[in-house]
């Protein structure tokens, strides 16, 4: 299992995924989350700013879904790289 991380946050009252620099600096909250994708075990959870309980739940769910998207992309990139290496040999 390859650990993967993603961040969610709150900007202008909306919970969003993958904050840009300005949103991170001037938003109301940001919450990086790292997981082990096979088990959904949370490896890192940090929050700066303020979220209601419902916003926290939404941000956590969004960050975990984002982590799974990134994990799928990582797996595809690694498989492609090593398939190319095997083809050359």
N, C-alpha and C. Protein backbone atom coordinates (compact mmCIF):
# COMPACT_ATOMS: atom_id res chain seq x y z
N UNK A 1 0.85 -1.18 0.00
CA UNK A 1 0.00 0.00 0.00
C UNK A 1 0.90 1.24 0.00
N UNK A 2 0.58 2.19 -0.84
CA UNK A 2 1.36 3.42 -0.94
C UNK A 2 0.57 4.55 -0.28
N UNK A 3 1.09 5.15 0.78
CA UNK A 3 0.38 6.27 1.41
C UNK A 3 0.14 7.39 0.41
N UNK A 4 -0.98 8.07 0.57
CA UNK A 4 -1.34 9.15 -0.34
C UNK A 4 -2.01 10.26 0.47
N UNK A 5 -1.84 11.51 0.02
CA UNK A 5 -2.38 12.64 0.76
C UNK A 5 -3.13 13.60 -0.16
N UNK A 6 -4.07 14.30 0.43
CA UNK A 6 -4.85 15.29 -0.28
C UNK A 6 -5.35 16.28 0.77
N UNK A 7 -5.72 17.47 0.34
CA UNK A 7 -6.22 18.47 1.30
C UNK A 7 -7.59 18.96 0.88
N UNK A 8 -8.42 19.20 1.87
CA UNK A 8 -9.71 19.85 1.67
C UNK A 8 -9.71 21.09 2.55
N UNK A 9 -10.63 21.99 2.30
CA UNK A 9 -10.69 23.19 3.11
C UNK A 9 -11.97 23.94 2.89
N UNK A 10 -12.05 25.10 3.50
CA UNK A 10 -13.25 25.94 3.41
C UNK A 10 -12.83 27.32 2.91
N UNK A 11 -13.46 27.73 1.81
CA UNK A 11 -13.19 29.03 1.21
C UNK A 11 -14.53 29.67 0.88
N UNK A 12 -14.71 30.89 1.33
CA UNK A 12 -15.95 31.63 1.10
C UNK A 12 -17.18 30.80 1.48
N UNK A 13 -17.07 30.08 2.59
CA UNK A 13 -18.19 29.31 3.11
C UNK A 13 -18.43 27.97 2.46
N UNK A 14 -17.60 27.59 1.48
CA UNK A 14 -17.78 26.32 0.77
C UNK A 14 -16.62 25.38 1.07
N UNK A 15 -16.94 24.10 1.28
CA UNK A 15 -15.92 23.07 1.48
C UNK A 15 -15.46 22.62 0.10
N UNK A 16 -14.14 22.68 -0.12
CA UNK A 16 -13.57 22.35 -1.43
C UNK A 16 -12.39 21.40 -1.28
N UNK A 17 -12.01 20.80 -2.39
CA UNK A 17 -10.88 19.88 -2.44
C UNK A 17 -9.72 20.54 -3.16
N UNK A 18 -8.50 20.26 -2.72
CA UNK A 18 -7.27 20.67 -3.40
C UNK A 18 -7.15 22.19 -3.51
N UNK A 19 -6.96 22.82 -2.37
CA UNK A 19 -6.85 24.27 -2.32
C UNK A 19 -5.59 24.76 -3.03
N UNK A 20 -5.72 25.87 -3.76
CA UNK A 20 -4.53 26.51 -4.34
C UNK A 20 -3.87 27.36 -3.24
N UNK A 21 -2.74 27.97 -3.55
CA UNK A 21 -1.98 28.72 -2.55
C UNK A 21 -2.82 29.84 -1.93
N UNK A 22 -3.51 30.60 -2.75
CA UNK A 22 -4.30 31.72 -2.25
C UNK A 22 -5.45 31.23 -1.37
N UNK A 23 -6.10 30.14 -1.79
CA UNK A 23 -7.20 29.58 -0.99
C UNK A 23 -6.67 29.07 0.35
N UNK A 24 -5.50 28.47 0.32
CA UNK A 24 -4.89 27.97 1.55
C UNK A 24 -4.53 29.13 2.48
N UNK A 25 -3.95 30.19 1.92
CA UNK A 25 -3.51 31.32 2.73
C UNK A 25 -4.66 32.17 3.26
N UNK A 26 -5.71 32.34 2.46
CA UNK A 26 -6.76 33.28 2.83
C UNK A 26 -8.11 32.63 3.09
N UNK A 27 -8.19 31.32 2.97
CA UNK A 27 -9.44 30.62 3.23
C UNK A 27 -9.72 30.53 4.72
N UNK A 28 -10.85 29.94 5.04
CA UNK A 28 -11.28 29.85 6.43
C UNK A 28 -10.71 28.62 7.14
N UNK A 29 -10.35 27.59 6.38
CA UNK A 29 -9.79 26.38 6.99
C UNK A 29 -9.11 25.55 5.91
N UNK A 30 -8.10 24.78 6.32
CA UNK A 30 -7.54 23.78 5.42
C UNK A 30 -7.20 22.54 6.25
N UNK A 31 -7.35 21.38 5.61
CA UNK A 31 -7.20 20.12 6.32
C UNK A 31 -6.51 19.09 5.45
N UNK A 32 -5.17 18.95 5.57
CA UNK A 32 -4.49 17.88 4.86
C UNK A 32 -4.79 16.54 5.52
N UNK A 33 -4.97 15.53 4.68
CA UNK A 33 -5.29 14.17 5.14
C UNK A 33 -4.42 13.20 4.35
N UNK A 34 -3.80 12.25 5.03
CA UNK A 34 -3.07 11.17 4.37
C UNK A 34 -3.69 9.85 4.82
N UNK A 35 -3.82 8.92 3.86
CA UNK A 35 -4.42 7.62 4.18
C UNK A 35 -3.59 6.48 3.59
N UNK A 36 -3.86 5.29 4.08
CA UNK A 36 -3.42 4.06 3.44
C UNK A 36 -4.63 3.60 2.61
N UNK A 37 -4.58 3.72 1.29
CA UNK A 37 -5.77 3.52 0.46
C UNK A 37 -6.44 2.14 0.57
N UNK A 38 -5.67 1.10 0.83
CA UNK A 38 -6.28 -0.23 0.89
C UNK A 38 -7.19 -0.41 2.10
N UNK A 39 -6.88 0.30 3.17
CA UNK A 39 -7.65 0.14 4.41
C UNK A 39 -8.41 1.40 4.83
N UNK A 40 -8.14 2.52 4.17
CA UNK A 40 -8.67 3.83 4.56
C UNK A 40 -8.20 4.27 5.94
N UNK A 41 -7.13 3.66 6.44
CA UNK A 41 -6.58 4.09 7.72
C UNK A 41 -6.04 5.51 7.56
N UNK A 42 -6.42 6.39 8.46
CA UNK A 42 -5.94 7.77 8.42
C UNK A 42 -4.55 7.82 9.03
N UNK A 43 -3.58 8.27 8.25
CA UNK A 43 -2.19 8.36 8.69
C UNK A 43 -1.83 9.76 9.15
N UNK A 44 -2.53 10.76 8.60
CA UNK A 44 -2.31 12.16 8.98
C UNK A 44 -3.64 12.89 8.90
N UNK A 45 -3.92 13.67 9.90
CA UNK A 45 -5.10 14.55 9.89
C UNK A 45 -4.71 15.81 10.64
N UNK A 46 -4.68 16.92 9.91
CA UNK A 46 -4.29 18.19 10.52
C UNK A 46 -5.30 19.23 10.05
N UNK A 47 -5.74 20.09 10.95
CA UNK A 47 -6.68 21.12 10.52
C UNK A 47 -6.23 22.47 11.04
N UNK A 48 -6.18 23.43 10.15
CA UNK A 48 -5.93 24.82 10.51
C UNK A 48 -7.18 25.61 10.17
N UNK A 49 -7.70 26.37 11.11
CA UNK A 49 -8.91 27.15 10.88
C UNK A 49 -10.08 26.55 11.63
N UNK A 50 -11.28 26.93 11.20
CA UNK A 50 -12.49 26.51 11.91
C UNK A 50 -13.50 25.91 10.94
N UNK A 51 -14.01 24.74 11.32
CA UNK A 51 -15.08 24.07 10.58
C UNK A 51 -16.14 23.63 11.58
N UNK A 52 -17.40 23.66 11.16
CA UNK A 52 -18.44 23.05 11.99
C UNK A 52 -18.26 21.54 11.91
N UNK A 53 -18.98 20.82 12.74
CA UNK A 53 -18.89 19.35 12.70
C UNK A 53 -19.30 18.84 11.32
N UNK A 54 -20.40 19.37 10.77
CA UNK A 54 -20.86 18.92 9.44
C UNK A 54 -19.84 19.26 8.36
N UNK A 55 -19.24 20.44 8.44
CA UNK A 55 -18.21 20.82 7.47
C UNK A 55 -16.98 19.93 7.60
N UNK A 56 -16.62 19.59 8.84
CA UNK A 56 -15.49 18.69 9.07
C UNK A 56 -15.75 17.34 8.42
N UNK A 57 -16.94 16.78 8.65
CA UNK A 57 -17.30 15.49 8.06
C UNK A 57 -17.24 15.55 6.53
N UNK A 58 -17.78 16.63 5.97
CA UNK A 58 -17.77 16.79 4.51
C UNK A 58 -16.34 16.93 3.98
N UNK A 59 -15.52 17.72 4.66
CA UNK A 59 -14.13 17.92 4.23
C UNK A 59 -13.34 16.62 4.33
N UNK A 60 -13.54 15.86 5.40
CA UNK A 60 -12.83 14.59 5.56
C UNK A 60 -13.24 13.61 4.46
N UNK A 61 -14.53 13.51 4.19
CA UNK A 61 -15.02 12.62 3.13
C UNK A 61 -14.45 13.03 1.78
N UNK A 62 -14.46 14.32 1.51
CA UNK A 62 -13.94 14.84 0.24
C UNK A 62 -12.44 14.56 0.11
N UNK A 63 -11.69 14.77 1.19
CA UNK A 63 -10.24 14.53 1.15
C UNK A 63 -9.93 13.05 0.93
N UNK A 64 -10.69 12.16 1.58
CA UNK A 64 -10.46 10.73 1.40
C UNK A 64 -10.78 10.31 -0.03
N UNK A 65 -11.87 10.84 -0.59
CA UNK A 65 -12.19 10.55 -2.00
C UNK A 65 -11.08 11.07 -2.91
N UNK A 66 -10.56 12.25 -2.62
CA UNK A 66 -9.45 12.80 -3.39
C UNK A 66 -8.21 11.93 -3.29
N UNK A 67 -7.95 11.41 -2.11
CA UNK A 67 -6.81 10.51 -1.92
C UNK A 67 -6.93 9.28 -2.81
N UNK A 68 -8.13 8.73 -2.92
CA UNK A 68 -8.32 7.55 -3.75
C UNK A 68 -8.11 7.87 -5.24
N UNK A 69 -8.50 9.05 -5.65
CA UNK A 69 -8.26 9.47 -7.04
C UNK A 69 -6.75 9.58 -7.29
N UNK A 70 -6.04 10.22 -6.37
CA UNK A 70 -4.58 10.35 -6.50
C UNK A 70 -3.92 8.97 -6.47
N UNK A 71 -4.39 8.10 -5.59
CA UNK A 71 -3.84 6.75 -5.49
C UNK A 71 -3.98 6.00 -6.81
N UNK A 72 -5.15 6.09 -7.43
CA UNK A 72 -5.35 5.44 -8.73
C UNK A 72 -4.39 5.99 -9.78
N UNK A 73 -4.19 7.31 -9.77
CA UNK A 73 -3.26 7.92 -10.72
C UNK A 73 -1.83 7.46 -10.46
N UNK A 74 -1.44 7.35 -9.19
CA UNK A 74 -0.09 6.87 -8.86
C UNK A 74 0.12 5.45 -9.36
N UNK A 75 -0.86 4.59 -9.11
CA UNK A 75 -0.74 3.19 -9.54
C UNK A 75 -0.59 3.09 -11.05
N UNK A 76 -1.42 3.85 -11.79
CA UNK A 76 -1.34 3.82 -13.25
C UNK A 76 0.02 4.31 -13.74
N UNK A 77 0.54 5.38 -13.12
CA UNK A 77 1.84 5.92 -13.53
C UNK A 77 2.96 4.92 -13.26
N UNK A 78 2.91 4.27 -12.10
CA UNK A 78 3.94 3.27 -11.78
C UNK A 78 3.86 2.06 -12.70
N UNK A 79 2.64 1.59 -12.96
CA UNK A 79 2.49 0.44 -13.86
C UNK A 79 2.99 0.78 -15.26
N UNK A 80 2.65 1.98 -15.74
CA UNK A 80 3.10 2.38 -17.07
C UNK A 80 4.62 2.45 -17.13
N UNK A 81 5.22 3.04 -16.13
CA UNK A 81 6.68 3.18 -16.10
C UNK A 81 7.36 1.82 -16.14
N UNK A 82 6.89 0.90 -15.30
CA UNK A 82 7.57 -0.39 -15.22
C UNK A 82 7.18 -1.33 -16.34
N UNK A 83 6.03 -1.13 -16.97
CA UNK A 83 5.72 -1.89 -18.18
C UNK A 83 6.67 -1.49 -19.29
N UNK A 84 6.98 -0.19 -19.38
CA UNK A 84 7.92 0.30 -20.39
C UNK A 84 9.32 -0.26 -20.14
N UNK A 85 9.72 -0.34 -18.89
CA UNK A 85 11.04 -0.90 -18.55
C UNK A 85 11.10 -2.36 -18.96
N UNK A 86 10.05 -3.12 -18.68
CA UNK A 86 10.03 -4.54 -19.04
C UNK A 86 10.03 -4.74 -20.56
N UNK A 87 9.35 -3.84 -21.30
CA UNK A 87 9.32 -3.94 -22.75
C UNK A 87 10.71 -3.72 -23.35
N UNK A 88 11.50 -2.84 -22.76
CA UNK A 88 12.83 -2.52 -23.26
C UNK A 88 13.78 -3.69 -23.04
N UNK A 89 13.62 -4.38 -21.92
CA UNK A 89 14.53 -5.48 -21.60
C UNK A 89 14.23 -6.64 -22.44
